[in-house]
């Protein structure tokens, strides 16, 4: 993710002020990447939550069985 941010930063530095349309396109591209990253992190968070809930259930079950 850090490499992607660095590449976007370099792309923004190389923009020429005479092309206003390019700036809008880069802003749209950046916002789409941010949305995709947010959606991906949401799916990842759901998976981690399910795994930790499963682990907590197993630990609780082991404590009550002893």
PDB file of N, CA and C in Angstrom:
ATOM      1  N   UNK A   1       0.829  -1.181   0.000  1.00  0.00           N
ATOM      2  CA  UNK A   1       0.000   0.000   0.000  1.00  0.00           C
ATOM      3  C   UNK A   1       0.878   1.252   0.000  1.00  0.00           C
ATOM      4  N   UNK A   2       2.022   1.176   0.703  1.00  0.00           N
ATOM      5  CA  UNK A   2       2.924   2.309   0.767  1.00  0.00           C
ATOM      6  C   UNK A   2       3.508   2.613  -0.608  1.00  0.00           C
ATOM      7  N   UNK A   3       3.813   1.560  -1.375  1.00  0.00           N
ATOM      8  CA  UNK A   3       4.354   1.762  -2.715  1.00  0.00           C
ATOM      9  C   UNK A   3       3.331   2.458  -3.601  1.00  0.00           C
ATOM     10  N   UNK A   4       2.065   2.092  -3.465  1.00  0.00           N
ATOM     11  CA  UNK A   4       1.001   2.702  -4.251  1.00  0.00           C
ATOM     12  C   UNK A   4       0.875   4.185  -3.923  1.00  0.00           C
ATOM     13  N   UNK A   5       0.935   4.507  -2.646  1.00  0.00           N
ATOM     14  CA  UNK A   5       0.851   5.915  -2.235  1.00  0.00           C
ATOM     15  C   UNK A   5       2.042   6.691  -2.780  1.00  0.00           C
ATOM     16  N   UNK A   6       3.223   6.097  -2.748  1.00  0.00           N
ATOM     17  CA  UNK A   6       4.414   6.767  -3.268  1.00  0.00           C
ATOM     18  C   UNK A   6       4.291   7.019  -4.765  1.00  0.00           C
ATOM     19  N   UNK A   7       3.770   6.030  -5.509  1.00  0.00           N
ATOM     20  CA  UNK A   7       3.588   6.200  -6.947  1.00  0.00           C
ATOM     21  C   UNK A   7       2.564   7.291  -7.240  1.00  0.00           C
ATOM     22  N   UNK A   8       1.488   7.329  -6.463  1.00  0.00           N
ATOM     23  CA  UNK A   8       0.489   8.378  -6.653  1.00  0.00           C
ATOM     24  C   UNK A   8       1.075   9.747  -6.341  1.00  0.00           C
ATOM     25  N   UNK A   9       1.915   9.814  -5.326  1.00  0.00           N
ATOM     26  CA  UNK A   9       2.556  11.080  -4.972  1.00  0.00           C
ATOM     27  C   UNK A   9       3.448  11.561  -6.115  1.00  0.00           C
ATOM     28  N   UNK A  10       4.213  10.657  -6.694  1.00  0.00           N
ATOM     29  CA  UNK A  10       5.071  11.016  -7.824  1.00  0.00           C
ATOM     30  C   UNK A  10       4.227  11.455  -9.012  1.00  0.00           C
ATOM     31  N   UNK A  11       3.114  10.770  -9.246  1.00  0.00           N
ATOM     32  CA  UNK A  11       2.229  11.157 -10.350  1.00  0.00           C
ATOM     33  C   UNK A  11       1.667  12.552 -10.138  1.00  0.00           C
ATOM     34  N   UNK A  12       1.292  12.869  -8.910  1.00  0.00           N
ATOM     35  CA  UNK A  12       0.786  14.209  -8.629  1.00  0.00           C
ATOM     36  C   UNK A  12       1.873  15.262  -8.801  1.00  0.00           C
ATOM     37  N   UNK A  13       3.110  14.940  -8.453  1.00  0.00           N
ATOM     38  CA  UNK A  13       4.202  15.899  -8.618  1.00  0.00           C
ATOM     39  C   UNK A  13       4.495  16.165 -10.083  1.00  0.00           C
ATOM     40  N   UNK A  14       4.247  15.192 -10.936  1.00  0.00           N
ATOM     41  CA  UNK A  14       4.540  15.336 -12.357  1.00  0.00           C
ATOM     42  C   UNK A  14       3.401  15.980 -13.144  1.00  0.00           C
ATOM     43  N   UNK A  15       2.307  16.302 -12.488  1.00  0.00           N
ATOM     44  CA  UNK A  15       1.194  16.929 -13.193  1.00  0.00           C
ATOM     45  C   UNK A  15       1.576  18.329 -13.661  1.00  0.00           C
ATOM     46  N   UNK A  16       1.089  18.672 -14.824  1.00  0.00           N
ATOM     47  CA  UNK A  16       1.313  20.025 -15.327  1.00  0.00           C
ATOM     48  C   UNK A  16       0.062  20.844 -15.057  1.00  0.00           C
ATOM     49  N   UNK A  17       0.247  22.083 -14.650  1.00  0.00           N
ATOM     50  CA  UNK A  17      -0.890  22.923 -14.293  1.00  0.00           C
ATOM     51  C   UNK A  17      -1.732  23.310 -15.499  1.00  0.00           C
ATOM     52  N   UNK A  18      -1.214  23.142 -16.728  1.00  0.00           N
ATOM     53  CA  UNK A  18      -1.965  23.530 -17.913  1.00  0.00           C
ATOM     54  C   UNK A  18      -3.063  22.540 -18.274  1.00  0.00           C
ATOM     55  N   UNK A  19      -3.017  21.358 -17.737  1.00  0.00           N
ATOM     56  CA  UNK A  19      -4.021  20.335 -18.050  1.00  0.00           C
ATOM     57  C   UNK A  19      -4.923  20.122 -16.847  1.00  0.00           C
ATOM     58  N   UNK A  20      -5.993  20.875 -16.744  1.00  0.00           N
ATOM     59  CA  UNK A  20      -6.924  20.747 -15.629  1.00  0.00           C
ATOM     60  C   UNK A  20      -7.679  19.438 -15.638  1.00  0.00           C
ATOM     61  N   UNK A  21      -7.915  18.896 -16.830  1.00  0.00           N
ATOM     62  CA  UNK A  21      -8.660  17.647 -16.935  1.00  0.00           C
ATOM     63  C   UNK A  21      -7.868  16.498 -16.318  1.00  0.00           C
ATOM     64  N   UNK A  22      -6.556  16.505 -16.462  1.00  0.00           N
ATOM     65  CA  UNK A  22      -5.728  15.451 -15.877  1.00  0.00           C
ATOM     66  C   UNK A  22      -5.845  15.435 -14.357  1.00  0.00           C
ATOM     67  N   UNK A  23      -5.903  16.596 -13.755  1.00  0.00           N
ATOM     68  CA  UNK A  23      -6.011  16.672 -12.300  1.00  0.00           C
ATOM     69  C   UNK A  23      -7.316  16.031 -11.835  1.00  0.00           C
ATOM     70  N   UNK A  24      -8.392  16.321 -12.539  1.00  0.00           N
ATOM     71  CA  UNK A  24      -9.686  15.731 -12.187  1.00  0.00           C
ATOM     72  C   UNK A  24      -9.632  14.214 -12.337  1.00  0.00           C
ATOM     73  N   UNK A  25      -9.006  13.745 -13.397  1.00  0.00           N
ATOM     74  CA  UNK A  25      -8.894  12.297 -13.604  1.00  0.00           C
ATOM     75  C   UNK A  25      -8.080  11.641 -12.494  1.00  0.00           C
ATOM     76  N   UNK A  26      -6.998  12.262 -12.086  1.00  0.00           N
ATOM     77  CA  UNK A  26      -6.192  11.705 -11.004  1.00  0.00           C
ATOM     78  C   UNK A  26      -6.946  11.717  -9.679  1.00  0.00           C
ATOM     79  N   UNK A  27      -7.731  12.741  -9.440  1.00  0.00           N
ATOM     80  CA  UNK A  27      -8.537  12.794  -8.214  1.00  0.00           C
ATOM     81  C   UNK A  27      -9.575  11.679  -8.225  1.00  0.00           C
ATOM     82  N   UNK A  28     -10.217  11.476  -9.372  1.00  0.00           N
ATOM     83  CA  UNK A  28     -11.193  10.384  -9.471  1.00  0.00           C
ATOM     84  C   UNK A  28     -10.527   9.026  -9.293  1.00  0.00           C
ATOM     85  N   UNK A  29      -9.363   8.852  -9.898  1.00  0.00           N
ATOM     86  CA  UNK A  29      -8.633   7.588  -9.762  1.00  0.00           C
ATOM     87  C   UNK A  29      -8.238   7.339  -8.309  1.00  0.00           C
ATOM     88  N   UNK A  30      -7.758   8.367  -7.647  1.00  0.00           N
ATOM     89  CA  UNK A  30      -7.366   8.238  -6.249  1.00  0.00           C
ATOM     90  C   UNK A  30      -8.562   7.897  -5.369  1.00  0.00           C
ATOM     91  N   UNK A  31      -9.701   8.523  -5.630  1.00  0.00           N
ATOM     92  CA  UNK A  31     -10.889   8.226  -4.822  1.00  0.00           C
ATOM     93  C   UNK A  31     -11.383   6.812  -5.074  1.00  0.00           C
ATOM     94  N   UNK A  32     -11.276   6.328  -6.301  1.00  0.00           N
ATOM     95  CA  UNK A  32     -11.682   4.944  -6.589  1.00  0.00           C
ATOM     96  C   UNK A  32     -10.755   3.947  -5.897  1.00  0.00           C
ATOM     97  N   UNK A  33      -9.465   4.247  -5.871  1.00  0.00           N
ATOM     98  CA  UNK A  33      -8.512   3.380  -5.169  1.00  0.00           C
ATOM     99  C   UNK A  33      -8.812   3.378  -3.677  1.00  0.00           C
ATOM    100  N   UNK A  34      -9.137   4.538  -3.130  1.00  0.00           N
ATOM    101  CA  UNK A  34      -9.465   4.626  -1.705  1.00  0.00           C
ATOM    102  C   UNK A  34     -10.724   3.823  -1.390  1.00  0.00           C
ATOM    103  N   UNK A  35     -11.723   3.895  -2.250  1.00  0.00           N
ATOM    104  CA  UNK A  35     -12.945   3.114  -2.034  1.00  0.00           C
ATOM    105  C   UNK A  35     -12.661   1.614  -2.091  1.00  0.00           C
ATOM    106  N   UNK A  36     -11.853   1.200  -3.055  1.00  0.00           N
ATOM    107  CA  UNK A  36     -11.513  -0.225  -3.174  1.00  0.00           C
ATOM    108  C   UNK A  36     -10.733  -0.699  -1.952  1.00  0.00           C
ATOM    109  N   UNK A  37      -9.810   0.122  -1.480  1.00  0.00           N
ATOM    110  CA  UNK A  37      -9.034  -0.250  -0.290  1.00  0.00           C
ATOM    111  C   UNK A  37      -9.932  -0.340   0.935  1.00  0.00           C
ATOM    112  N   UNK A  38     -10.873   0.591   1.058  1.00  0.00           N
ATOM    113  CA  UNK A  38     -11.798   0.565   2.188  1.00  0.00           C
ATOM    114  C   UNK A  38     -12.670  -0.681   2.145  1.00  0.00           C
ATOM    115  N   UNK A  39     -13.163  -1.032   0.968  1.00  0.00           N
ATOM    116  CA  UNK A  39     -13.990  -2.235   0.837  1.00  0.00           C
ATOM    117  C   UNK A  39     -13.173  -3.490   1.157  1.00  0.00           C
ATOM    118  N   UNK A  40     -11.936  -3.522   0.693  1.00  0.00           N
ATOM    119  CA  UNK A  40     -11.075  -4.670   0.976  1.00  0.00           C
ATOM    120  C   UNK A  40     -10.778  -4.797   2.457  1.00  0.00           C
ATOM    121  N   UNK A  41     -10.533  -3.689   3.113  1.00  0.00           N
ATOM    122  CA  UNK A  41     -10.274  -3.733   4.551  1.00  0.00           C
ATOM    123  C   UNK A  41     -11.520  -4.159   5.325  1.00  0.00           C
ATOM    124  N   UNK A  42     -12.692  -3.786   4.833  1.00  0.00           N
ATOM    125  CA  UNK A  42     -13.937  -4.182   5.495  1.00  0.00           C
ATOM    126  C   UNK A  42     -14.099  -5.708   5.438  1.00  0.00           C
ATOM    127  N   UNK A  43     -13.855  -6.295   4.276  1.00  0.00           N
ATOM    128  CA  UNK A  43     -13.948  -7.751   4.136  1.00  0.00           C
ATOM    129  C   UNK A  43     -12.909  -8.433   5.020  1.00  0.00           C
ATOM    130  N   UNK A  44     -11.700  -7.888   5.054  1.00  0.00           N
ATOM    131  CA  UNK A  44     -10.641  -8.439   5.891  1.00  0.00           C
ATOM    132  C   UNK A  44     -11.013  -8.363   7.371  1.00  0.00           C
ATOM    133  N   UNK A  45     -11.605  -7.257   7.786  1.00  0.00           N
ATOM    134  CA  UNK A  45     -12.003  -7.086   9.185  1.00  0.00           C
ATOM    135  C   UNK A  45     -13.079  -8.094   9.573  1.00  0.00           C
ATOM    136  N   UNK A  46     -14.001  -8.369   8.669  1.00  0.00           N
ATOM    137  CA  UNK A  46     -15.049  -9.363   8.950  1.00  0.00           C
ATOM    138  C   UNK A  46     -14.418 -10.738   9.144  1.00  0.00           C
ATOM    139  N   UNK A  47     -13.451 -11.087   8.305  1.00  0.00           N
ATOM    140  CA  UNK A  47     -12.781 -12.386   8.430  1.00  0.00           C
ATOM    141  C   UNK A  47     -12.010 -12.495   9.743  1.00  0.00           C
ATOM    142  N   UNK A  48     -11.298 -11.441  10.109  1.00  0.00           N
ATOM    143  CA  UNK A  48     -10.541 -11.454  11.361  1.00  0.00           C
ATOM    144  C   UNK A  48     -11.500 -11.554  12.547  1.00  0.00           C
ATOM    145  N   UNK A  49     -12.605 -10.827  12.497  1.00  0.00           N
ATOM    146  CA  UNK A  49     -13.592 -10.871  13.574  1.00  0.00           C
ATOM    147  C   UNK A  49     -14.154 -12.284  13.727  1.00  0.00           C
ATOM    148  N   UNK A  50     -14.462 -12.941  12.616  1.00  0.00           N
ATOM    149  CA  UNK A  50     -14.990 -14.303  12.680  1.00  0.00           C
ATOM    150  C   UNK A  50     -13.962 -15.270  13.270  1.00  0.00           C
ATOM    151  N   UNK A  51     -12.708 -15.120  12.873  1.00  0.00           N
ATOM    152  CA  UNK A  51     -11.657 -15.997  13.389  1.00  0.00           C
ATOM    153  C   UNK A  51     -11.457 -15.796  14.884  1.00  0.00           C
ATOM    154  N   UNK A  52     -11.455 -14.546  15.328  1.00  0.00           N
ATOM    155  CA  UNK A  52     -11.265 -14.285  16.754  1.00  0.00           C
ATOM    156  C   UNK A  52     -12.474 -14.732  17.578  1.00  0.00           C
ATOM    157  N   UNK A  53     -13.663 -14.590  17.033  1.00  0.00           N
ATOM    158  CA  UNK A  53     -14.859 -15.067  17.729  1.00  0.00           C
ATOM    159  C   UNK A  53     -14.822 -16.585  17.869  1.00  0.00           C
ATOM    160  N   UNK A  54     -14.391 -17.260  16.809  1.00  0.00           N
ATOM    161  CA  UNK A  54     -14.260 -18.719  16.846  1.00  0.00           C
ATOM    162  C   UNK A  54     -13.226 -19.135  17.892  1.00  0.00           C
ATOM    163  N   UNK A  55     -12.096 -18.449  17.911  1.00  0.00           N
ATOM    164  CA  UNK A  55     -11.047 -18.748  18.885  1.00  0.00           C
ATOM    165  C   UNK A  55     -11.532 -18.506  20.307  1.00  0.00           C
ATOM    166  N   UNK A  56     -12.251 -17.411  20.527  1.00  0.00           N
ATOM    167  CA  UNK A  56     -12.776 -17.116  21.865  1.00  0.00           C
ATOM    168  C   UNK A  56     -13.763 -18.189  22.307  1.00  0.00           C
ATOM    169  N   UNK A  57     -14.573 -18.673  21.378  1.00  0.00           N
ATOM    170  CA  UNK A  57     -15.502 -19.749  21.708  1.00  0.00           C
ATOM    171  C   UNK A  57     -14.794 -21.023  22.101  1.00  0.00           C
ATOM    172  N   UNK A  58     -13.726 -21.353  21.386  1.00  0.00           N
ATOM    173  CA  UNK A  58     -12.953 -22.551  21.714  1.00  0.00           C
ATOM    174  C   UNK A  58     -12.268 -22.415  23.069  1.00  0.00           C
ATOM    175  N   UNK A  59     -11.738 -21.240  23.362  1.00  0.00           N
ATOM    176  CA  UNK A  59     -11.079 -21.022  24.648  1.00  0.00           C
ATOM    177  C   UNK A  59     -12.106 -21.091  25.779  1.00  0.00           C
ATOM    178  N   UNK A  60     -13.249 -20.464  25.576  1.00  0.00           N
ATOM    179  CA  UNK A  60     -14.296 -20.498  26.609  1.00  0.00           C
ATOM    180  C   UNK A  60     -14.806 -21.920  26.817  1.00  0.00           C
ATOM    181  N   UNK A  61     -14.928 -22.658  25.739  1.00  0.00           N
ATOM    182  CA  UNK A  61     -15.380 -24.055  25.845  1.00  0.00           C
ATOM    183  C   UNK A  61     -14.358 -24.917  26.572  1.00  0.00           C
ATOM    184  N   UNK A  62     -13.097 -24.669  26.358  1.00  0.00           N
ATOM    185  CA  UNK A  62     -12.046 -25.415  27.046  1.00  0.00           C
ATOM    186  C   UNK A  62     -11.974 -25.084  28.521  1.00  0.00           C
ATOM    187  N   UNK A  63     -12.270 -23.848  28.886  1.00  0.00           N
ATOM    188  CA  UNK A  63     -12.232 -23.452  30.283  1.00  0.00           C
ATOM    189  C   UNK A  63     -13.399 -24.039  31.055  1.00  0.00           C
ATOM    190  N   UNK A  64     -14.571 -24.123  30.420  1.00  0.00           N
ATOM    191  CA  UNK A  64     -15.735 -24.652  31.137  1.00  0.00           C
ATOM    192  C   UNK A  64     -15.683 -26.170  31.223  1.00  0.00           C
ATOM    193  N   UNK A  65     -15.003 -26.828  30.282  1.00  0.00           N
ATOM    194  CA  UNK A  65     -14.910 -28.293  30.308  1.00  0.00           C
ATOM    195  C   UNK A  65     -13.934 -28.763  31.391  1.00  0.00           C
ATOM    196  N   UNK A  66     -12.998 -27.935  31.758  1.00  0.00           N
ATOM    197  CA  UNK A  66     -11.986 -28.339  32.741  1.00  0.00           C
ATOM    198  C   UNK A  66     -12.565 -28.197  34.091  1.00  0.00           C
TER     199      UNK A  66
END
